[in-house]
Amino acid sequence: MHFMLLIFAVLLCLVVWGFFHSDPTGVPRARLLALNVAILALAVVAGGIIGYVLYLDASVVKAGEKGLAVYLGIMAGGTAALIIVAAGGMLRNLVIFPLSRRERPTPGA
């Protein structure tokens, strides 16, 4: 269980790092910041809700194993958050700010 949580923490760090290091250039910074905050807020809220619902369900089914219920809630909620951040980053770069809608960088500037 500890090894899986370690792998999850590493994946979380990599996905969040990739999300911020793949910001599109040549787009309005205010819109980009607002979209980044919205994606991260959606990921945290959805991950929390999914994890909590799974925790409650696992607590009822196996009442004597609270540790397993907590583990399942963390892993499920965290996985949902990772998927939302990754999908939101792709949506941001490919649909909302596609290459055709970005300003061209001026050479030498």
PDB file of N, CA and C in Angstrom:
ATOM      1  N   MET A   1       0.816  -1.186   0.000  1.00  0.00           N
ATOM      2  CA  MET A   1       0.000   0.000   0.000  1.00  0.00           C
ATOM      3  C   MET A   1       0.865   1.257   0.000  1.00  0.00           C
ATOM      4  N   HIS A   2       1.954   1.234   0.743  1.00  0.00           N
ATOM      5  CA  HIS A   2       2.815   2.409   0.815  1.00  0.00           C
ATOM      6  C   HIS A   2       3.493   2.675  -0.521  1.00  0.00           C
ATOM      7  N   PHE A   3       3.886   1.607  -1.206  1.00  0.00           N
ATOM      8  CA  PHE A   3       4.535   1.769  -2.499  1.00  0.00           C
ATOM      9  C   PHE A   3       3.569   2.376  -3.515  1.00  0.00           C
ATOM     10  N   MET A   4       2.319   1.957  -3.488  1.00  0.00           N
ATOM     11  CA  MET A   4       1.323   2.516  -4.406  1.00  0.00           C
ATOM     12  C   MET A   4       1.077   3.997  -4.113  1.00  0.00           C
ATOM     13  N   LEU A   5       1.065   4.379  -2.853  1.00  0.00           N
ATOM     14  CA  LEU A   5       0.911   5.795  -2.525  1.00  0.00           C
ATOM     15  C   LEU A   5       2.120   6.598  -2.983  1.00  0.00           C
ATOM     16  N   LEU A   6       3.304   6.013  -2.894  1.00  0.00           N
ATOM     17  CA  LEU A   6       4.507   6.681  -3.382  1.00  0.00           C
ATOM     18  C   LEU A   6       4.445   6.866  -4.895  1.00  0.00           C
ATOM     19  N   ILE A   7       4.038   5.836  -5.606  1.00  0.00           N
ATOM     20  CA  ILE A   7       3.885   5.946  -7.058  1.00  0.00           C
ATOM     21  C   ILE A   7       2.842   7.002  -7.397  1.00  0.00           C
ATOM     22  N   PHE A   8       1.747   7.018  -6.653  1.00  0.00           N
ATOM     23  CA  PHE A   8       0.708   8.016  -6.886  1.00  0.00           C
ATOM     24  C   PHE A   8       1.237   9.432  -6.662  1.00  0.00           C
ATOM     25  N   ALA A   9       2.013   9.635  -5.614  1.00  0.00           N
ATOM     26  CA  ALA A   9       2.567  10.966  -5.331  1.00  0.00           C
ATOM     27  C   ALA A   9       3.507  11.408  -6.450  1.00  0.00           C
ATOM     28  N   VAL A  10       4.315  10.492  -6.963  1.00  0.00           N
ATOM     29  CA  VAL A  10       5.220  10.824  -8.070  1.00  0.00           C
ATOM     30  C   VAL A  10       4.414  11.179  -9.316  1.00  0.00           C
ATOM     31  N   LEU A  11       3.389  10.397  -9.625  1.00  0.00           N
ATOM     32  CA  LEU A  11       2.542  10.700 -10.779  1.00  0.00           C
ATOM     33  C   LEU A  11       1.842  12.045 -10.622  1.00  0.00           C
ATOM     34  N   LEU A  12       1.376  12.335  -9.431  1.00  0.00           N
ATOM     35  CA  LEU A  12       0.731  13.621  -9.174  1.00  0.00           C
ATOM     36  C   LEU A  12       1.691  14.771  -9.444  1.00  0.00           C
ATOM     37  N   CYS A  13       2.905  14.659  -8.949  1.00  0.00           N
ATOM     38  CA  CYS A  13       3.908  15.705  -9.177  1.00  0.00           C
ATOM     39  C   CYS A  13       4.219  15.858 -10.660  1.00  0.00           C
ATOM     40  N   LEU A  14       4.366  14.753 -11.374  1.00  0.00           N
ATOM     41  CA  LEU A  14       4.680  14.813 -12.801  1.00  0.00           C
ATOM     42  C   LEU A  14       3.547  15.433 -13.613  1.00  0.00           C
ATOM     43  N   VAL A  15       2.322  15.074 -13.307  1.00  0.00           N
ATOM     44  CA  VAL A  15       1.188  15.618 -14.057  1.00  0.00           C
ATOM     45  C   VAL A  15       1.031  17.114 -13.795  1.00  0.00           C
ATOM     46  N   VAL A  16       1.142  17.539 -12.555  1.00  0.00           N
ATOM     47  CA  VAL A  16       1.015  18.970 -12.247  1.00  0.00           C
ATOM     48  C   VAL A  16       2.183  19.748 -12.845  1.00  0.00           C
ATOM     49  N   TRP A  17       3.394  19.193 -12.779  1.00  0.00           N
ATOM     50  CA  TRP A  17       4.555  19.847 -13.398  1.00  0.00           C
ATOM     51  C   TRP A  17       4.340  19.981 -14.905  1.00  0.00           C
ATOM     52  N   GLY A  18       3.905  18.917 -15.552  1.00  0.00           N
ATOM     53  CA  GLY A  18       3.653  18.960 -16.990  1.00  0.00           C
ATOM     54  C   GLY A  18       2.538  19.924 -17.351  1.00  0.00           C
ATOM     55  N   PHE A  19       1.536  20.009 -16.500  1.00  0.00           N
ATOM     56  CA  PHE A  19       0.424  20.928 -16.750  1.00  0.00           C
ATOM     57  C   PHE A  19       0.918  22.369 -16.812  1.00  0.00           C
ATOM     58  N   PHE A  20       1.772  22.758 -15.867  1.00  0.00           N
ATOM     59  CA  PHE A  20       2.241  24.142 -15.840  1.00  0.00           C
ATOM     60  C   PHE A  20       3.373  24.408 -16.822  1.00  0.00           C
ATOM     61  N   HIS A  21       4.119  23.393 -17.201  1.00  0.00           N
ATOM     62  CA  HIS A  21       5.214  23.601 -18.146  1.00  0.00           C
ATOM     63  C   HIS A  21       4.781  23.452 -19.599  1.00  0.00           C
ATOM     64  N   SER A  22       3.519  23.195 -19.837  1.00  0.00           N
ATOM     65  CA  SER A  22       3.022  23.128 -21.209  1.00  0.00           C
ATOM     66  C   SER A  22       2.056  24.271 -21.503  1.00  0.00           C
ATOM     67  N   ASP A  23       2.167  25.353 -20.740  1.00  0.00           N
ATOM     68  CA  ASP A  23       1.328  26.522 -21.008  1.00  0.00           C
ATOM     69  C   ASP A  23       1.575  27.018 -22.426  1.00  0.00           C
ATOM     70  N   PRO A  24       0.510  27.296 -23.185  1.00  0.00           N
ATOM     71  CA  PRO A  24       0.703  27.807 -24.538  1.00  0.00           C
ATOM     72  C   PRO A  24       1.248  29.236 -24.508  1.00  0.00           C
ATOM     73  N   THR A  25       2.100  29.550 -25.453  1.00  0.00           N
ATOM     74  CA  THR A  25       2.636  30.910 -25.563  1.00  0.00           C
ATOM     75  C   THR A  25       1.795  31.695 -26.563  1.00  0.00           C
ATOM     76  N   GLY A  26       1.809  32.998 -26.431  1.00  0.00           N
ATOM     77  CA  GLY A  26       1.083  33.855 -27.356  1.00  0.00           C
ATOM     78  C   GLY A  26      -0.410  33.928 -27.088  1.00  0.00           C
ATOM     79  N   VAL A  27      -0.816  33.697 -25.853  1.00  0.00           N
ATOM     80  CA  VAL A  27      -2.231  33.802 -25.488  1.00  0.00           C
ATOM     81  C   VAL A  27      -2.355  34.815 -24.355  1.00  0.00           C
ATOM     82  N   PRO A  28      -3.542  35.403 -24.181  1.00  0.00           N
ATOM     83  CA  PRO A  28      -3.719  36.358 -23.079  1.00  0.00           C
ATOM     84  C   PRO A  28      -3.467  35.685 -21.725  1.00  0.00           C
ATOM     85  N   ARG A  29      -2.586  36.286 -20.937  1.00  0.00           N
ATOM     86  CA  ARG A  29      -2.192  35.687 -19.655  1.00  0.00           C
ATOM     87  C   ARG A  29      -3.360  35.603 -18.675  1.00  0.00           C
ATOM     88  N   ALA A  30      -4.255  36.578 -18.701  1.00  0.00           N
ATOM     89  CA  ALA A  30      -5.389  36.564 -17.767  1.00  0.00           C
ATOM     90  C   ALA A  30      -6.325  35.392 -18.069  1.00  0.00           C
ATOM     91  N   ARG A  31      -6.614  35.165 -19.350  1.00  0.00           N
ATOM     92  CA  ARG A  31      -7.480  34.034 -19.717  1.00  0.00           C
ATOM     93  C   ARG A  31      -6.815  32.708 -19.390  1.00  0.00           C
ATOM     94  N   LEU A  32      -5.505  32.637 -19.623  1.00  0.00           N
ATOM     95  CA  LEU A  32      -4.772  31.409 -19.331  1.00  0.00           C
ATOM     96  C   LEU A  32      -4.772  31.123 -17.831  1.00  0.00           C
ATOM     97  N   LEU A  33      -4.538  32.143 -17.026  1.00  0.00           N
ATOM     98  CA  LEU A  33      -4.548  31.965 -15.573  1.00  0.00           C
ATOM     99  C   LEU A  33      -5.932  31.548 -15.084  1.00  0.00           C
ATOM    100  N   ALA A  34      -6.970  32.189 -15.609  1.00  0.00           N
ATOM    101  CA  ALA A  34      -8.334  31.838 -15.203  1.00  0.00           C
ATOM    102  C   ALA A  34      -8.661  30.393 -15.577  1.00  0.00           C
ATOM    103  N   LEU A  35      -8.246  29.970 -16.755  1.00  0.00           N
ATOM    104  CA  LEU A  35      -8.505  28.598 -17.184  1.00  0.00           C
ATOM    105  C   LEU A  35      -7.715  27.597 -16.347  1.00  0.00           C
ATOM    106  N   ASN A  36      -6.452  27.907 -16.053  1.00  0.00           N
ATOM    107  CA  ASN A  36      -5.643  27.016 -15.216  1.00  0.00           C
ATOM    108  C   ASN A  36      -6.253  26.853 -13.825  1.00  0.00           C
ATOM    109  N   VAL A  37      -6.686  27.957 -13.238  1.00  0.00           N
ATOM    110  CA  VAL A  37      -7.310  27.901 -11.909  1.00  0.00           C
ATOM    111  C   VAL A  37      -8.605  27.093 -11.966  1.00  0.00           C
ATOM    112  N   ALA A  38      -9.395  27.285 -13.026  1.00  0.00           N
ATOM    113  CA  ALA A  38     -10.653  26.546 -13.153  1.00  0.00           C
ATOM    114  C   ALA A  38     -10.404  25.047 -13.299  1.00  0.00           C
ATOM    115  N   ILE A  39      -9.410  24.670 -14.094  1.00  0.00           N
ATOM    116  CA  ILE A  39      -9.100  23.247 -14.279  1.00  0.00           C
ATOM    117  C   ILE A  39      -8.638  22.631 -12.966  1.00  0.00           C
ATOM    118  N   LEU A  40      -7.741  23.310 -12.263  1.00  0.00           N
ATOM    119  CA  LEU A  40      -7.241  22.767 -10.997  1.00  0.00           C
ATOM    120  C   LEU A  40      -8.338  22.713  -9.934  1.00  0.00           C
ATOM    121  N   ALA A  41      -9.194  23.729  -9.886  1.00  0.00           N
ATOM    122  CA  ALA A  41     -10.299  23.719  -8.918  1.00  0.00           C
ATOM    123  C   ALA A  41     -11.270  22.580  -9.219  1.00  0.00           C
ATOM    124  N   LEU A  42     -11.586  22.381 -10.497  1.00  0.00           N
ATOM    125  CA  LEU A  42     -12.460  21.277 -10.878  1.00  0.00           C
ATOM    126  C   LEU A  42     -11.840  19.935 -10.499  1.00  0.00           C
ATOM    127  N   ALA A  43     -10.538  19.796 -10.711  1.00  0.00           N
ATOM    128  CA  ALA A  43      -9.855  18.540 -10.377  1.00  0.00           C
ATOM    129  C   ALA A  43      -9.897  18.271  -8.879  1.00  0.00           C
ATOM    130  N   VAL A  44      -9.646  19.291  -8.081  1.00  0.00           N
ATOM    131  CA  VAL A  44      -9.644  19.111  -6.624  1.00  0.00           C
ATOM    132  C   VAL A  44     -11.050  18.787  -6.114  1.00  0.00           C
ATOM    133  N   VAL A  45     -12.045  19.515  -6.590  1.00  0.00           N
ATOM    134  CA  VAL A  45     -13.419  19.286  -6.126  1.00  0.00           C
ATOM    135  C   VAL A  45     -13.918  17.913  -6.576  1.00  0.00           C
ATOM    136  N   ALA A  46     -13.746  17.590  -7.850  1.00  0.00           N
ATOM    137  CA  ALA A  46     -14.219  16.296  -8.352  1.00  0.00           C
ATOM    138  C   ALA A  46     -13.468  15.145  -7.691  1.00  0.00           C
ATOM    139  N   GLY A  47     -12.161  15.287  -7.533  1.00  0.00           N
ATOM    140  CA  GLY A  47     -11.388  14.245  -6.860  1.00  0.00           C
ATOM    141  C   GLY A  47     -11.825  14.054  -5.420  1.00  0.00           C
ATOM    142  N   GLY A  48     -12.085  15.152  -4.731  1.00  0.00           N
ATOM    143  CA  GLY A  48     -12.554  15.061  -3.351  1.00  0.00           C
ATOM    144  C   GLY A  48     -13.911  14.393  -3.237  1.00  0.00           C
ATOM    145  N   ILE A  49     -14.812  14.756  -4.123  1.00  0.00           N
ATOM    146  CA  ILE A  49     -16.154  14.159  -4.086  1.00  0.00           C
ATOM    147  C   ILE A  49     -16.091  12.669  -4.416  1.00  0.00           C
ATOM    148  N   ILE A  50     -15.366  12.320  -5.469  1.00  0.00           N
ATOM    149  CA  ILE A  50     -15.265  10.911  -5.864  1.00  0.00           C
ATOM    150  C   ILE A  50     -14.597  10.091  -4.761  1.00  0.00           C
ATOM    151  N   GLY A  51     -13.519  10.616  -4.213  1.00  0.00           N
ATOM    152  CA  GLY A  51     -12.841   9.902  -3.137  1.00  0.00           C
ATOM    153  C   GLY A  51     -13.709   9.732  -1.907  1.00  0.00           C
ATOM    154  N   TYR A  52     -14.450  10.768  -1.547  1.00  0.00           N
ATOM    155  CA  TYR A  52     -15.307  10.693  -0.363  1.00  0.00           C
ATOM    156  C   TYR A  52     -16.455   9.709  -0.564  1.00  0.00           C
ATOM    157  N   VAL A  53     -17.060   9.729  -1.757  1.00  0.00           N
ATOM    158  CA  VAL A  53     -18.158   8.797  -2.034  1.00  0.00           C
ATOM    159  C   VAL A  53     -17.656   7.355  -1.988  1.00  0.00           C
ATOM    160  N   LEU A  54     -16.499   7.104  -2.573  1.00  0.00           N
ATOM    161  CA  LEU A  54     -15.957   5.746  -2.531  1.00  0.00           C
ATOM    162  C   LEU A  54     -15.576   5.352  -1.106  1.00  0.00           C
ATOM    163  N   TYR A  55     -15.031   6.292  -0.346  1.00  0.00           N
ATOM    164  CA  TYR A  55     -14.707   6.012   1.060  1.00  0.00           C
ATOM    165  C   TYR A  55     -15.963   5.620   1.838  1.00  0.00           C
ATOM    166  N   LEU A  56     -17.047   6.386   1.661  1.00  0.00           N
ATOM    167  CA  LEU A  56     -18.292   6.066   2.368  1.00  0.00           C
ATOM    168  C   LEU A  56     -18.815   4.690   1.975  1.00  0.00           C
ATOM    169  N   ASP A  57     -18.773   4.385   0.689  1.00  0.00           N
ATOM    170  CA  ASP A  57     -19.260   3.090   0.232  1.00  0.00           C
ATOM    171  C   ASP A  57     -18.410   1.951   0.788  1.00  0.00           C
ATOM    172  N   ALA A  58     -17.091   2.113   0.739  1.00  0.00           N
ATOM    173  CA  ALA A  58     -16.209   1.061   1.255  1.00  0.00           C
ATOM    174  C   ALA A  58     -16.340   0.927   2.768  1.00  0.00           C
ATOM    175  N   SER A  59     -16.609   2.020   3.464  1.00  0.00           N
ATOM    176  CA  SER A  59     -16.791   1.958   4.919  1.00  0.00           C
ATOM    177  C   SER A  59     -18.035   1.171   5.301  1.00  0.00           C
ATOM    178  N   VAL A  60     -19.078   1.286   4.501  1.00  0.00           N
ATOM    179  CA  VAL A  60     -20.319   0.573   4.788  1.00  0.00           C
ATOM    180  C   VAL A  60     -20.173  -0.910   4.446  1.00  0.00           C
ATOM    181  N   VAL A  61     -19.545  -1.199   3.320  1.00  0.00           N
ATOM    182  CA  VAL A  61     -19.416  -2.589   2.886  1.00  0.00           C
ATOM    183  C   VAL A  61     -18.492  -3.373   3.808  1.00  0.00           C
ATOM    184  N   LYS A  62     -17.338  -2.801   4.138  1.00  0.00           N
ATOM    185  CA  LYS A  62     -16.367  -3.474   5.015  1.00  0.00           C
ATOM    186  C   LYS A  62     -16.139  -2.583   6.227  1.00  0.00           C
ATOM    187  N   ALA A  63     -17.043  -2.617   7.166  1.00  0.00           N
ATOM    188  CA  ALA A  63     -16.997  -1.707   8.312  1.00  0.00           C
ATOM    189  C   ALA A  63     -15.756  -1.895   9.174  1.00  0.00           C
ATOM    190  N   GLY A  64     -15.180  -3.072   9.207  1.00  0.00           N
ATOM    191  CA  GLY A  64     -14.019  -3.322  10.051  1.00  0.00           C
ATOM    192  C   GLY A  64     -12.697  -2.922   9.429  1.00  0.00           C
ATOM    193  N   GLU A  65     -12.702  -2.494   8.177  1.00  0.00           N
ATOM    194  CA  GLU A  65     -11.456  -2.166   7.481  1.00  0.00           C
ATOM    195  C   GLU A  65     -11.453  -0.698   7.043  1.00  0.00           C
ATOM    196  N   LYS A  66     -11.363   0.198   7.999  1.00  0.00           N
ATOM    197  CA  LYS A  66     -11.370   1.634   7.698  1.00  0.00           C
ATOM    198  C   LYS A  66     -10.120   2.049   6.929  1.00  0.00           C
ATOM    199  N   GLY A  67      -8.996   1.402   7.219  1.00  0.00           N
ATOM    200  CA  GLY A  67      -7.756   1.754   6.530  1.00  0.00           C
ATOM    201  C   GLY A  67      -7.843   1.514   5.039  1.00  0.00           C
ATOM    202  N   LEU A  68      -8.452   0.413   4.651  1.00  0.00           N
ATOM    203  CA  LEU A  68      -8.619   0.109   3.238  1.00  0.00           C
ATOM    204  C   LEU A  68      -9.572   1.103   2.585  1.00  0.00           C
ATOM    205  N   ALA A  69     -10.610   1.498   3.302  1.00  0.00           N
ATOM    206  CA  ALA A  69     -11.555   2.474   2.764  1.00  0.00           C
ATOM    207  C   ALA A  69     -10.874   3.816   2.524  1.00  0.00           C
ATOM    208  N   VAL A  70     -10.024   4.227   3.447  1.00  0.00           N
ATOM    209  CA  VAL A  70      -9.285   5.485   3.277  1.00  0.00           C
ATOM    210  C   VAL A  70      -8.358   5.388   2.073  1.00  0.00           C
ATOM    211  N   TYR A  71      -7.642   4.284   1.972  1.00  0.00           N
ATOM    212  CA  TYR A  71      -6.721   4.069   0.854  1.00  0.00           C
ATOM    213  C   TYR A  71      -7.460   4.111  -0.479  1.00  0.00           C
ATOM    214  N   LEU A  72      -8.588   3.410  -0.568  1.00  0.00           N
ATOM    215  CA  LEU A  72      -9.360   3.407  -1.808  1.00  0.00           C
ATOM    216  C   LEU A  72      -9.876   4.799  -2.149  1.00  0.00           C
ATOM    217  N   GLY A  73     -10.325   5.535  -1.152  1.00  0.00           N
ATOM    218  CA  GLY A  73     -10.804   6.891  -1.395  1.00  0.00           C
ATOM    219  C   GLY A  73      -9.709   7.804  -1.907  1.00  0.00           C
ATOM    220  N   ILE A  74      -8.526   7.714  -1.306  1.00  0.00           N
ATOM    221  CA  ILE A  74      -7.402   8.553  -1.740  1.00  0.00           C
ATOM    222  C   ILE A  74      -6.987   8.201  -3.161  1.00  0.00           C
ATOM    223  N   MET A  75      -6.857   6.919  -3.436  1.00  0.00           N
ATOM    224  CA  MET A  75      -6.401   6.502  -4.759  1.00  0.00           C
ATOM    225  C   MET A  75      -7.433   6.835  -5.843  1.00  0.00           C
ATOM    226  N   ALA A  76      -8.708   6.604  -5.578  1.00  0.00           N
ATOM    227  CA  ALA A  76      -9.740   6.880  -6.578  1.00  0.00           C
ATOM    228  C   ALA A  76      -9.905   8.377  -6.803  1.00  0.00           C
ATOM    229  N   GLY A  77      -9.969   9.143  -5.723  1.00  0.00           N
ATOM    230  CA  GLY A  77     -10.098  10.590  -5.870  1.00  0.00           C
ATOM    231  C   GLY A  77      -8.884  11.207  -6.525  1.00  0.00           C
ATOM    232  N   GLY A  78      -7.711  10.735  -6.146  1.00  0.00           N
ATOM    233  CA  GLY A  78      -6.488  11.249  -6.752  1.00  0.00           C
ATOM    234  C   GLY A  78      -6.372  10.893  -8.215  1.00  0.00           C
ATOM    235  N   THR A  79      -6.774   9.688  -8.560  1.00  0.00           N
ATOM    236  CA  THR A  79      -6.740   9.286  -9.969  1.00  0.00           C
ATOM    237  C   THR A  79      -7.710  10.124 -10.790  1.00  0.00           C
ATOM    238  N   ALA A  80      -8.878  10.386 -10.263  1.00  0.00           N
ATOM    239  CA  ALA A  80      -9.836  11.247 -10.963  1.00  0.00           C
ATOM    240  C   ALA A  80      -9.259  12.645 -11.151  1.00  0.00           C
ATOM    241  N   ALA A  81      -8.602  13.165 -10.130  1.00  0.00           N
ATOM    242  CA  ALA A  81      -7.994  14.492 -10.239  1.00  0.00           C
ATOM    243  C   ALA A  81      -6.877  14.494 -11.279  1.00  0.00           C
ATOM    244  N   LEU A  82      -6.059  13.446 -11.307  1.00  0.00           N
ATOM    245  CA  LEU A  82      -4.993  13.361 -12.308  1.00  0.00           C
ATOM    246  C   LEU A  82      -5.559  13.336 -13.720  1.00  0.00           C
ATOM    247  N   ILE A  83      -6.605  12.572 -13.926  1.00  0.00           N
ATOM    248  CA  ILE A  83      -7.218  12.488 -15.256  1.00  0.00           C
ATOM    249  C   ILE A  83      -7.797  13.834 -15.663  1.00  0.00           C
ATOM    250  N   ILE A  84      -8.435  14.532 -14.741  1.00  0.00           N
ATOM    251  CA  ILE A  84      -9.022  15.838 -15.059  1.00  0.00           C
ATOM    252  C   ILE A  84      -7.936  16.852 -15.392  1.00  0.00           C
ATOM    253  N   VAL A  85      -6.836  16.869 -14.643  1.00  0.00           N
ATOM    254  CA  VAL A  85      -5.748  17.812 -14.928  1.00  0.00           C
ATOM    255  C   VAL A  85      -5.121  17.504 -16.284  1.00  0.00           C
ATOM    256  N   ALA A  86      -4.866  16.234 -16.575  1.00  0.00           N
ATOM    257  CA  ALA A  86      -4.263  15.869 -17.859  1.00  0.00           C
ATOM    258  C   ALA A  86      -5.206  16.189 -19.020  1.00  0.00           C
ATOM    259  N   ALA A  87      -6.474  15.825 -18.894  1.00  0.00           N
ATOM    260  CA  ALA A  87      -7.439  16.105 -19.953  1.00  0.00           C
ATOM    261  C   ALA A  87      -7.677  17.607 -20.096  1.00  0.00           C
ATOM    262  N   GLY A  88      -7.715  18.318 -18.983  1.00  0.00           N
ATOM    263  CA  GLY A  88      -7.884  19.770 -19.040  1.00  0.00           C
ATOM    264  C   GLY A  88      -6.711  20.456 -19.711  1.00  0.00           C
ATOM    265  N   GLY A  89      -5.499  19.975 -19.458  1.00  0.00           N
ATOM    266  CA  GLY A  89      -4.327  20.537 -20.125  1.00  0.00           C
ATOM    267  C   GLY A  89      -4.355  20.295 -21.622  1.00  0.00           C
ATOM    268  N   MET A  90      -4.761  19.103 -22.032  1.00  0.00           N
ATOM    269  CA  MET A  90      -4.862  18.826 -23.471  1.00  0.00           C
ATOM    270  C   MET A  90      -5.969  19.658 -24.103  1.00  0.00           C
ATOM    271  N   LEU A  91      -7.094  19.776 -23.430  1.00  0.00           N
ATOM    272  CA  LEU A  91      -8.193  20.596 -23.935  1.00  0.00           C
ATOM    273  C   LEU A  91      -7.759  22.056 -24.053  1.00  0.00           C
ATOM    274  N   ARG A  92      -7.033  22.540 -23.054  1.00  0.00           N
ATOM    275  CA  ARG A  92      -6.537  23.915 -23.065  1.00  0.00           C
ATOM    276  C   ARG A  92      -5.621  24.157 -24.264  1.00  0.00           C
ATOM    277  N   ASN A  93      -4.687  23.246 -24.510  1.00  0.00           N
ATOM    278  CA  ASN A  93      -3.688  23.462 -25.556  1.00  0.00           C
ATOM    279  C   ASN A  93      -4.194  23.151 -26.955  1.00  0.00           C
ATOM    280  N   LEU A  94      -5.140  22.231 -27.103  1.00  0.00           N
ATOM    281  CA  LEU A  94      -5.555  21.800 -28.431  1.00  0.00           C
ATOM    282  C   LEU A  94      -6.882  22.384 -28.896  1.00  0.00           C
ATOM    283  N   VAL A  95      -7.777  22.733 -27.967  1.00  0.00           N
ATOM    284  CA  VAL A  95      -9.103  23.202 -28.359  1.00  0.00           C
ATOM    285  C   VAL A  95      -9.308  24.675 -28.010  1.00  0.00           C
ATOM    286  N   ILE A  96      -9.033  25.053 -26.780  1.00  0.00           N
ATOM    287  CA  ILE A  96      -9.310  26.427 -26.349  1.00  0.00           C
ATOM    288  C   ILE A  96      -8.274  27.399 -26.909  1.00  0.00           C
ATOM    289  N   PHE A  97      -6.995  27.022 -26.846  1.00  0.00           N
ATOM    290  CA  PHE A  97      -5.926  27.852 -27.406  1.00  0.00           C
ATOM    291  C   PHE A  97      -5.168  27.065 -28.475  1.00  0.00           C
ATOM    292  N   PRO A  98      -5.800  26.759 -29.626  1.00  0.00           N
ATOM    293  CA  PRO A  98      -5.078  26.013 -30.659  1.00  0.00           C
ATOM    294  C   PRO A  98      -3.994  26.891 -31.290  1.00  0.00           C
ATOM    295  N   LEU A  99      -3.101  26.267 -32.023  1.00  0.00           N
ATOM    296  CA  LEU A  99      -2.001  27.016 -32.647  1.00  0.00           C
ATOM    297  C   LEU A  99      -2.513  28.116 -33.561  1.00  0.00           C
ATOM    298  N   SER A 100      -3.652  27.910 -34.210  1.00  0.00           N
ATOM    299  CA  SER A 100      -4.177  28.908 -35.138  1.00  0.00           C
ATOM    300  C   SER A 100      -4.669  30.172 -34.429  1.00  0.00           C
ATOM    301  N   ARG A 101      -4.948  30.113 -33.143  1.00  0.00           N
ATOM    302  CA  ARG A 101      -5.447  31.282 -32.407  1.00  0.00           C
ATOM    303  C   ARG A 101      -4.385  31.942 -31.546  1.00  0.00           C
ATOM    304  N   ARG A 102      -3.157  31.479 -31.625  1.00  0.00           N
ATOM    305  CA  ARG A 102      -2.079  32.061 -30.826  1.00  0.00           C
ATOM    306  C   ARG A 102      -1.328  33.100 -31.640  1.00  0.00           C
ATOM    307  N   GLU A 103      -0.788  34.092 -30.924  1.00  0.00           N
ATOM    308  CA  GLU A 103       0.037  35.097 -31.592  1.00  0.00           C
ATOM    309  C   GLU A 103       1.370  34.480 -31.973  1.00  0.00           C
ATOM    310  N   ARG A 104       1.872  34.877 -33.120  1.00  0.00           N
ATOM    311  CA  ARG A 104       3.169  34.383 -33.561  1.00  0.00           C
ATOM    312  C   ARG A 104       4.264  35.148 -32.829  1.00  0.00           C
ATOM    313  N   PRO A 105       5.256  34.445 -32.273  1.00  0.00           N
ATOM    314  CA  PRO A 105       6.367  35.165 -31.631  1.00  0.00           C
ATOM    315  C   PRO A 105       7.226  35.853 -32.688  1.00  0.00           C
ATOM    316  N   THR A 106       7.630  37.074 -32.386  1.00  0.00           N
ATOM    317  CA  THR A 106       8.479  37.805 -33.333  1.00  0.00           C
ATOM    318  C   THR A 106       9.921  37.356 -33.163  1.00  0.00           C
ATOM    319  N   PRO A 107      10.610  37.065 -34.275  1.00  0.00           N
ATOM    320  CA  PRO A 107      12.000  36.617 -34.155  1.00  0.00           C
ATOM    321  C   PRO A 107      12.893  37.738 -33.640  1.00  0.00           C
ATOM    322  N   GLY A 108      13.783  37.388 -32.748  1.00  0.00           N
ATOM    323  CA  GLY A 108      14.732  38.353 -32.200  1.00  0.00           C
ATOM    324  C   GLY A 108      14.177  39.187 -31.064  1.00  0.00           C
ATOM    325  N   ALA A 109      12.949  38.975 -30.687  1.00  0.00           N
ATOM    326  CA  ALA A 109      12.365  39.780 -29.605  1.00  0.00           C
ATOM    327  C   ALA A 109      12.435  39.066 -28.295  1.00  0.00           C
TER     328      ALA A 109
END
